[in-house]
N, C-alpha and C. Protein backbone atom coordinates (compact mmCIF):
# COMPACT_ATOMS: atom_id res chain seq x y z
N MET A 1 73.53 31.81 -17.15
CA MET A 1 72.43 32.63 -17.59
C MET A 1 72.57 32.86 -19.10
N ALA A 2 71.60 32.43 -19.85
CA ALA A 2 71.65 32.57 -21.30
C ALA A 2 71.34 34.01 -21.69
N GLY A 3 71.97 34.45 -22.74
CA GLY A 3 71.75 35.80 -23.23
C GLY A 3 71.00 35.79 -24.55
N ALA A 4 70.91 36.93 -25.15
CA ALA A 4 70.24 37.05 -26.44
C ALA A 4 71.07 36.36 -27.52
N ARG A 5 70.41 35.59 -28.31
CA ARG A 5 71.08 34.95 -29.45
C ARG A 5 70.79 35.71 -30.73
N HIS A 6 69.75 36.52 -30.68
CA HIS A 6 69.33 37.24 -31.87
C HIS A 6 68.84 38.63 -31.46
N PHE A 7 69.04 39.59 -32.34
CA PHE A 7 68.64 40.96 -32.01
C PHE A 7 67.15 41.08 -31.72
N ARG A 8 66.32 40.20 -32.28
CA ARG A 8 64.88 40.26 -32.04
C ARG A 8 64.51 40.01 -30.58
N GLU A 9 65.43 39.45 -29.81
CA GLU A 9 65.19 39.19 -28.39
C GLU A 9 65.41 40.43 -27.53
N LEU A 10 66.02 41.45 -28.07
CA LEU A 10 66.33 42.66 -27.31
C LEU A 10 65.09 43.54 -27.16
N THR A 11 64.81 43.93 -25.94
CA THR A 11 63.65 44.78 -25.69
C THR A 11 63.76 46.10 -26.45
N CYS A 12 64.95 46.65 -26.53
CA CYS A 12 65.10 47.92 -27.25
C CYS A 12 64.74 47.75 -28.73
N TRP A 13 65.11 46.62 -29.32
CA TRP A 13 64.75 46.37 -30.72
C TRP A 13 63.24 46.17 -30.85
N GLN A 14 62.64 45.42 -29.94
CA GLN A 14 61.21 45.15 -30.00
C GLN A 14 60.39 46.44 -29.94
N LEU A 15 60.78 47.34 -29.05
CA LEU A 15 60.06 48.61 -28.92
C LEU A 15 60.29 49.50 -30.15
N ALA A 16 61.52 49.54 -30.64
CA ALA A 16 61.83 50.34 -31.83
C ALA A 16 61.08 49.79 -33.05
N TYR A 17 60.98 48.47 -33.14
CA TYR A 17 60.26 47.83 -34.23
C TYR A 17 58.77 48.14 -34.16
N GLU A 18 58.21 48.08 -32.96
CA GLU A 18 56.80 48.41 -32.76
C GLU A 18 56.53 49.86 -33.19
N LEU A 19 57.45 50.77 -32.81
CA LEU A 19 57.30 52.17 -33.23
C LEU A 19 57.38 52.28 -34.74
N LYS A 20 58.29 51.54 -35.35
CA LYS A 20 58.42 51.58 -36.82
C LYS A 20 57.10 51.22 -37.48
N LEU A 21 56.46 50.15 -37.02
CA LEU A 21 55.20 49.73 -37.61
C LEU A 21 54.12 50.80 -37.43
N GLU A 22 54.09 51.43 -36.26
CA GLU A 22 53.11 52.50 -36.01
C GLU A 22 53.38 53.72 -36.89
N MET A 23 54.65 54.05 -37.07
CA MET A 23 55.01 55.19 -37.92
C MET A 23 54.66 54.88 -39.38
N TYR A 24 54.83 53.64 -39.79
CA TYR A 24 54.43 53.25 -41.15
C TYR A 24 52.92 53.43 -41.33
N ARG A 25 52.14 53.08 -40.30
CA ARG A 25 50.69 53.27 -40.38
C ARG A 25 50.35 54.76 -40.55
N LEU A 26 51.04 55.58 -39.79
CA LEU A 26 50.84 57.02 -39.91
C LEU A 26 51.20 57.49 -41.32
N ALA A 27 52.34 57.07 -41.80
CA ALA A 27 52.82 57.51 -43.12
C ALA A 27 51.91 57.03 -44.25
N ASP A 28 51.24 55.91 -44.05
CA ASP A 28 50.40 55.35 -45.11
C ASP A 28 49.02 55.99 -45.23
N GLN A 29 48.73 56.95 -44.37
CA GLN A 29 47.47 57.68 -44.51
C GLN A 29 47.53 58.51 -45.78
N PRO A 30 46.46 58.54 -46.55
CA PRO A 30 46.49 59.23 -47.85
C PRO A 30 46.97 60.68 -47.78
N HIS A 31 46.53 61.44 -46.76
CA HIS A 31 46.92 62.84 -46.69
C HIS A 31 48.40 63.01 -46.34
N VAL A 32 49.00 62.01 -45.69
CA VAL A 32 50.44 62.06 -45.41
C VAL A 32 51.21 61.61 -46.64
N LYS A 33 50.71 60.60 -47.30
CA LYS A 33 51.38 60.05 -48.48
C LYS A 33 51.53 61.07 -49.61
N ARG A 34 50.60 62.01 -49.65
CA ARG A 34 50.66 63.02 -50.72
C ARG A 34 51.92 63.87 -50.64
N ASP A 35 52.42 64.09 -49.42
CA ASP A 35 53.67 64.84 -49.25
C ASP A 35 54.81 63.83 -49.26
N VAL A 36 55.32 63.57 -50.43
CA VAL A 36 56.30 62.50 -50.64
C VAL A 36 57.54 62.68 -49.77
N ARG A 37 57.99 63.89 -49.64
CA ARG A 37 59.20 64.14 -48.83
C ARG A 37 58.96 63.80 -47.35
N PHE A 38 57.86 64.28 -46.81
CA PHE A 38 57.51 63.99 -45.41
C PHE A 38 57.30 62.49 -45.23
N TYR A 39 56.60 61.88 -46.16
CA TYR A 39 56.35 60.43 -46.14
C TYR A 39 57.68 59.66 -46.06
N ASP A 40 58.61 60.01 -46.93
CA ASP A 40 59.91 59.33 -46.96
C ASP A 40 60.70 59.56 -45.66
N GLN A 41 60.65 60.79 -45.15
CA GLN A 41 61.38 61.10 -43.93
C GLN A 41 60.84 60.31 -42.73
N ILE A 42 59.53 60.22 -42.60
CA ILE A 42 58.92 59.48 -41.50
C ILE A 42 59.34 58.01 -41.56
N ARG A 43 59.21 57.43 -42.73
CA ARG A 43 59.53 56.00 -42.89
C ARG A 43 61.01 55.73 -42.67
N ASP A 44 61.88 56.59 -43.17
CA ASP A 44 63.31 56.37 -43.02
C ASP A 44 63.75 56.48 -41.56
N ALA A 45 63.27 57.49 -40.86
CA ALA A 45 63.64 57.65 -39.44
C ALA A 45 63.12 56.48 -38.62
N ALA A 46 61.89 56.06 -38.90
CA ALA A 46 61.29 54.95 -38.15
C ALA A 46 62.03 53.65 -38.38
N ALA A 47 62.48 53.42 -39.60
CA ALA A 47 63.19 52.17 -39.93
C ALA A 47 64.61 52.17 -39.41
N SER A 48 65.18 53.34 -39.23
CA SER A 48 66.59 53.44 -38.86
C SER A 48 66.90 52.88 -37.47
N ALA A 49 66.02 53.11 -36.50
CA ALA A 49 66.32 52.67 -35.12
C ALA A 49 66.44 51.15 -35.01
N PRO A 50 65.43 50.38 -35.39
CA PRO A 50 65.60 48.93 -35.27
C PRO A 50 66.71 48.40 -36.18
N ARG A 51 66.90 49.03 -37.32
CA ARG A 51 67.96 48.61 -38.25
C ARG A 51 69.34 48.77 -37.60
N ASN A 52 69.56 49.89 -36.92
CA ASN A 52 70.87 50.12 -36.29
C ASN A 52 71.08 49.25 -35.06
N ILE A 53 70.01 48.97 -34.32
CA ILE A 53 70.14 48.05 -33.18
C ILE A 53 70.53 46.68 -33.69
N ALA A 54 69.88 46.23 -34.75
CA ALA A 54 70.19 44.92 -35.33
C ALA A 54 71.63 44.87 -35.84
N GLU A 55 72.04 45.90 -36.55
CA GLU A 55 73.41 45.91 -37.08
C GLU A 55 74.43 45.95 -35.96
N GLY A 56 74.18 46.77 -34.95
CA GLY A 56 75.11 46.86 -33.83
C GLY A 56 75.23 45.56 -33.06
N PHE A 57 74.11 44.85 -32.91
CA PHE A 57 74.13 43.56 -32.22
C PHE A 57 75.03 42.57 -32.93
N GLY A 58 75.13 42.70 -34.23
CA GLY A 58 75.98 41.81 -35.01
C GLY A 58 77.45 42.17 -34.99
N ARG A 59 77.80 43.27 -34.37
CA ARG A 59 79.20 43.68 -34.30
C ARG A 59 79.93 42.91 -33.21
N ARG A 60 81.23 43.02 -33.20
CA ARG A 60 82.05 42.17 -32.35
C ARG A 60 82.33 42.71 -30.96
N THR A 61 82.22 44.01 -30.78
CA THR A 61 82.61 44.58 -29.49
C THR A 61 81.51 45.44 -28.89
N HIS A 62 81.63 45.64 -27.58
CA HIS A 62 80.70 46.52 -26.88
C HIS A 62 80.76 47.93 -27.45
N VAL A 63 81.96 48.39 -27.77
CA VAL A 63 82.14 49.76 -28.28
C VAL A 63 81.40 49.94 -29.60
N GLU A 64 81.53 48.96 -30.48
CA GLU A 64 80.83 49.05 -31.77
C GLU A 64 79.32 49.02 -31.57
N PHE A 65 78.86 48.11 -30.72
CA PHE A 65 77.43 48.02 -30.46
C PHE A 65 76.91 49.33 -29.88
N ALA A 66 77.64 49.90 -28.94
CA ALA A 66 77.24 51.16 -28.31
C ALA A 66 77.13 52.28 -29.35
N ARG A 67 78.03 52.30 -30.32
CA ARG A 67 77.99 53.33 -31.37
C ARG A 67 76.68 53.22 -32.17
N PHE A 68 76.30 51.99 -32.51
CA PHE A 68 75.06 51.80 -33.26
C PHE A 68 73.84 52.10 -32.39
N LEU A 69 73.93 51.83 -31.10
CA LEU A 69 72.84 52.20 -30.20
C LEU A 69 72.66 53.71 -30.14
N ASP A 70 73.77 54.45 -30.16
CA ASP A 70 73.68 55.91 -30.17
C ASP A 70 72.98 56.41 -31.44
N ILE A 71 73.30 55.79 -32.57
CA ILE A 71 72.65 56.16 -33.82
C ILE A 71 71.15 55.85 -33.74
N ALA A 72 70.82 54.69 -33.18
CA ALA A 72 69.41 54.31 -33.03
C ALA A 72 68.67 55.32 -32.16
N ARG A 73 69.31 55.74 -31.10
CA ARG A 73 68.67 56.71 -30.19
C ARG A 73 68.42 58.04 -30.91
N GLY A 74 69.36 58.44 -31.73
CA GLY A 74 69.16 59.65 -32.53
C GLY A 74 67.99 59.50 -33.49
N SER A 75 67.85 58.33 -34.08
CA SER A 75 66.73 58.08 -34.99
C SER A 75 65.40 58.08 -34.25
N LEU A 76 65.40 57.60 -33.03
CA LEU A 76 64.17 57.65 -32.22
C LEU A 76 63.79 59.10 -31.91
N ASN A 77 64.78 59.93 -31.64
CA ASN A 77 64.51 61.35 -31.42
C ASN A 77 63.99 62.01 -32.69
N GLU A 78 64.56 61.62 -33.82
CA GLU A 78 64.08 62.15 -35.09
C GLU A 78 62.62 61.73 -35.32
N SER A 79 62.29 60.51 -34.97
CA SER A 79 60.90 60.04 -35.10
C SER A 79 59.97 60.86 -34.21
N GLN A 80 60.42 61.19 -32.99
CA GLN A 80 59.62 62.03 -32.12
C GLN A 80 59.37 63.40 -32.76
N ASN A 81 60.38 63.93 -33.40
CA ASN A 81 60.22 65.21 -34.08
C ASN A 81 59.21 65.10 -35.22
N HIS A 82 59.25 64.00 -35.96
CA HIS A 82 58.28 63.80 -37.03
C HIS A 82 56.86 63.66 -36.47
N LEU A 83 56.73 63.05 -35.31
CA LEU A 83 55.42 62.98 -34.68
C LEU A 83 54.89 64.38 -34.37
N GLN A 84 55.77 65.24 -33.84
CA GLN A 84 55.35 66.61 -33.56
C GLN A 84 54.99 67.33 -34.85
N ASP A 85 55.78 67.11 -35.90
CA ASP A 85 55.45 67.70 -37.20
C ASP A 85 54.07 67.25 -37.68
N ALA A 86 53.77 65.96 -37.46
CA ALA A 86 52.47 65.43 -37.89
C ALA A 86 51.33 66.11 -37.13
N VAL A 87 51.54 66.41 -35.85
CA VAL A 87 50.54 67.14 -35.08
C VAL A 87 50.38 68.55 -35.65
N ASP A 88 51.51 69.20 -35.90
CA ASP A 88 51.49 70.57 -36.42
C ASP A 88 50.80 70.65 -37.79
N ARG A 89 50.90 69.58 -38.55
CA ARG A 89 50.29 69.52 -39.89
C ARG A 89 48.85 69.01 -39.83
N HIS A 90 48.36 68.71 -38.63
CA HIS A 90 47.01 68.17 -38.42
C HIS A 90 46.83 66.78 -39.01
N ASP A 91 47.93 66.02 -39.08
CA ASP A 91 47.89 64.63 -39.55
C ASP A 91 47.72 63.66 -38.38
N LEU A 92 47.89 64.16 -37.16
CA LEU A 92 47.87 63.30 -35.98
C LEU A 92 47.20 64.06 -34.84
N ASP A 93 46.27 63.41 -34.15
CA ASP A 93 45.61 64.09 -33.04
C ASP A 93 46.43 63.94 -31.76
N ALA A 94 46.04 64.68 -30.74
CA ALA A 94 46.81 64.74 -29.50
C ALA A 94 46.90 63.39 -28.80
N ALA A 95 45.82 62.63 -28.80
CA ALA A 95 45.83 61.33 -28.11
C ALA A 95 46.77 60.35 -28.80
N GLU A 96 46.72 60.34 -30.12
CA GLU A 96 47.61 59.43 -30.87
C GLU A 96 49.06 59.87 -30.74
N PHE A 97 49.30 61.18 -30.73
CA PHE A 97 50.65 61.70 -30.51
C PHE A 97 51.18 61.22 -29.16
N LYS A 98 50.35 61.34 -28.14
CA LYS A 98 50.78 60.94 -26.79
C LYS A 98 51.15 59.46 -26.75
N ARG A 99 50.33 58.63 -27.38
CA ARG A 99 50.58 57.19 -27.40
C ARG A 99 51.89 56.85 -28.15
N LEU A 100 52.05 57.43 -29.32
CA LEU A 100 53.24 57.12 -30.12
C LEU A 100 54.50 57.75 -29.53
N ASN A 101 54.37 58.94 -28.98
CA ASN A 101 55.52 59.57 -28.35
C ASN A 101 55.98 58.79 -27.13
N SER A 102 55.02 58.27 -26.37
CA SER A 102 55.34 57.43 -25.21
C SER A 102 56.08 56.17 -25.64
N LEU A 103 55.63 55.56 -26.72
CA LEU A 103 56.30 54.38 -27.25
C LEU A 103 57.73 54.72 -27.66
N SER A 104 57.91 55.85 -28.31
CA SER A 104 59.25 56.28 -28.72
C SER A 104 60.14 56.54 -27.51
N GLU A 105 59.59 57.16 -26.48
CA GLU A 105 60.37 57.42 -25.26
C GLU A 105 60.76 56.13 -24.57
N ARG A 106 59.86 55.15 -24.53
CA ARG A 106 60.19 53.85 -23.94
C ARG A 106 61.28 53.15 -24.74
N ALA A 107 61.19 53.22 -26.06
CA ALA A 107 62.24 52.62 -26.91
C ALA A 107 63.57 53.31 -26.67
N SER A 108 63.56 54.62 -26.57
CA SER A 108 64.78 55.38 -26.32
C SER A 108 65.38 55.04 -24.96
N ALA A 109 64.53 54.89 -23.95
CA ALA A 109 65.02 54.51 -22.62
C ALA A 109 65.61 53.11 -22.64
N ALA A 110 65.00 52.20 -23.38
CA ALA A 110 65.53 50.83 -23.49
C ALA A 110 66.89 50.84 -24.18
N VAL A 111 67.04 51.68 -25.19
CA VAL A 111 68.34 51.81 -25.86
C VAL A 111 69.37 52.37 -24.89
N ALA A 112 68.97 53.35 -24.07
CA ALA A 112 69.90 53.93 -23.09
C ALA A 112 70.34 52.88 -22.08
N VAL A 113 69.42 52.04 -21.62
CA VAL A 113 69.77 50.97 -20.68
C VAL A 113 70.75 50.02 -21.33
N CYS A 114 70.46 49.64 -22.55
CA CYS A 114 71.32 48.72 -23.28
C CYS A 114 72.72 49.33 -23.46
N SER A 115 72.75 50.59 -23.78
CA SER A 115 74.02 51.30 -23.96
C SER A 115 74.82 51.34 -22.66
N ALA A 116 74.13 51.56 -21.54
CA ALA A 116 74.81 51.58 -20.24
C ALA A 116 75.39 50.22 -19.91
N ILE A 117 74.67 49.17 -20.26
CA ILE A 117 75.18 47.83 -20.03
C ILE A 117 76.40 47.56 -20.90
N CYS A 118 76.43 48.13 -22.08
CA CYS A 118 77.60 47.98 -22.97
C CYS A 118 78.86 48.55 -22.31
N ALA A 119 78.68 49.54 -21.46
CA ALA A 119 79.83 50.16 -20.80
C ALA A 119 80.51 49.21 -19.82
N ASP A 120 79.80 48.18 -19.37
CA ASP A 120 80.36 47.19 -18.45
C ASP A 120 81.09 46.14 -19.27
N ARG A 121 82.39 46.21 -19.29
CA ARG A 121 83.22 45.31 -20.11
C ARG A 121 83.18 43.86 -19.61
N ASN A 122 82.66 43.63 -18.42
CA ASN A 122 82.60 42.28 -17.87
C ASN A 122 81.36 41.52 -18.33
N VAL A 123 80.45 42.20 -19.01
CA VAL A 123 79.23 41.57 -19.48
C VAL A 123 79.47 41.03 -20.88
N LYS A 124 79.12 39.78 -21.10
CA LYS A 124 79.24 39.19 -22.43
C LYS A 124 78.28 39.90 -23.36
N LEU A 125 78.71 40.08 -24.58
CA LEU A 125 77.89 40.80 -25.55
C LEU A 125 76.52 40.16 -25.72
N GLY A 126 76.44 38.83 -25.68
CA GLY A 126 75.16 38.14 -25.86
C GLY A 126 74.19 38.35 -24.72
N THR A 127 74.67 38.71 -23.53
CA THR A 127 73.75 38.91 -22.41
C THR A 127 73.27 40.35 -22.32
N ILE A 128 73.82 41.21 -23.14
CA ILE A 128 73.43 42.62 -23.11
C ILE A 128 71.95 42.76 -23.42
N CYS A 129 71.30 43.59 -22.66
CA CYS A 129 69.92 44.01 -22.87
C CYS A 129 68.88 42.93 -22.62
N VAL A 130 69.27 41.76 -22.20
CA VAL A 130 68.27 40.74 -21.92
C VAL A 130 68.21 40.55 -20.41
N HIS A 131 69.14 39.83 -19.85
CA HIS A 131 69.09 39.53 -18.42
C HIS A 131 69.65 40.68 -17.58
N GLY A 132 70.68 41.33 -18.03
CA GLY A 132 71.28 42.40 -17.25
C GLY A 132 70.37 43.59 -17.07
N ALA A 133 69.43 43.77 -17.97
CA ALA A 133 68.54 44.93 -17.89
C ALA A 133 67.13 44.55 -17.46
N ARG A 134 66.92 43.32 -17.05
CA ARG A 134 65.57 42.84 -16.76
C ARG A 134 64.82 43.73 -15.77
N ARG A 135 65.50 44.23 -14.75
CA ARG A 135 64.80 45.04 -13.74
C ARG A 135 64.27 46.34 -14.32
N TRP A 136 64.91 46.83 -15.39
CA TRP A 136 64.46 48.06 -16.03
C TRP A 136 63.40 47.79 -17.08
N MET A 137 63.51 46.68 -17.75
CA MET A 137 62.68 46.44 -18.92
C MET A 137 61.21 46.29 -18.61
N HIS A 138 60.83 45.75 -17.45
CA HIS A 138 59.40 45.62 -17.16
C HIS A 138 58.73 46.98 -17.11
N LYS A 139 59.45 48.01 -16.72
CA LYS A 139 58.89 49.36 -16.70
C LYS A 139 58.73 49.90 -18.12
N LEU A 140 59.64 49.51 -19.01
CA LEU A 140 59.63 50.04 -20.37
C LEU A 140 58.57 49.41 -21.24
N ARG A 141 58.17 48.18 -20.94
CA ARG A 141 57.16 47.49 -21.76
C ARG A 141 55.75 48.00 -21.49
N ASP A 142 55.53 48.58 -20.32
CA ASP A 142 54.17 49.02 -19.96
C ASP A 142 53.75 50.28 -20.69
């Protein structure tokens, strides 16, 4: 059974990347851009999750990868908080919040699945999050 050869094949990275692009769209709205600090915080948190998944995938051990997955999950939670802030600031409506928050929750769940697979020392690092998590991932993509 072939595993992931590149971090882009990981469902958790794909979902985190999709969220990053959506958060960038939110941040690029003129009324959000005017608040430079908020703008920078949204973009940094959104970029952090896929960046840490990618970096962790390049590490040599399950333990190292799991550490970077934990950081990515924290960044996804931070992004959720920024989404709530955007609602509170009237930069984001309830429907868009629900859609983006759902995407963030799915990305976070995919990271959790990947992290749980890391705990199994019998799984090759390259197969993590691709074939071993397939039964969970179809639920996360919807």
